[in-house]
Amino acid sequence: QVQLQESGPGLVEPSQTLSLTCTVSDGSITTKNYFWGWIRQPPGKGLEWIGFISYSGTTSYSPSLESRTSISRDTFKNQFILQLSSVTPEDTAVYYCARVPTGGLSAVIRGGRSGSWGQGTQVTVSS
């Protein structure tokens, strides 16, 4: 059973770059037909898809966040990394990483759940 664990700072100052790492165990991030995603849930709101990196390294991002988002990976460490620049208090949320099968991509993009998820990590943007 694949396991995912988010890590990174819980507090980020406005205008800085938020950086989170997802460490994957019991499964390779290069396994075909899986996509590795970042999703967030602001307080009192639903799930919001941020972006994916595929098993081959191709990335796709939410149009509303694309200009500030970068997702990369380290295949040796079996990790993938989210960077969100120029953060504001509106970026405060619980951030999740997930492994999503090809057939579940549309559900996650629409704000649903599919695949295996980490437990989530709270990130607060505040000075």
Foldseek 3Di string as FASTA:
>chain_A
DKAKAKDADQEAEAQAKGKIKIQIPPDAQLDPQKKKFKWWAAPPGFIATAWIAHSVGDIDGDPVQVVFWDKGADRVRRMIMIIGGRDDQVPWTWMKMFIAGNVCVVQVNVRHDHHGIHPTGTHGYHD
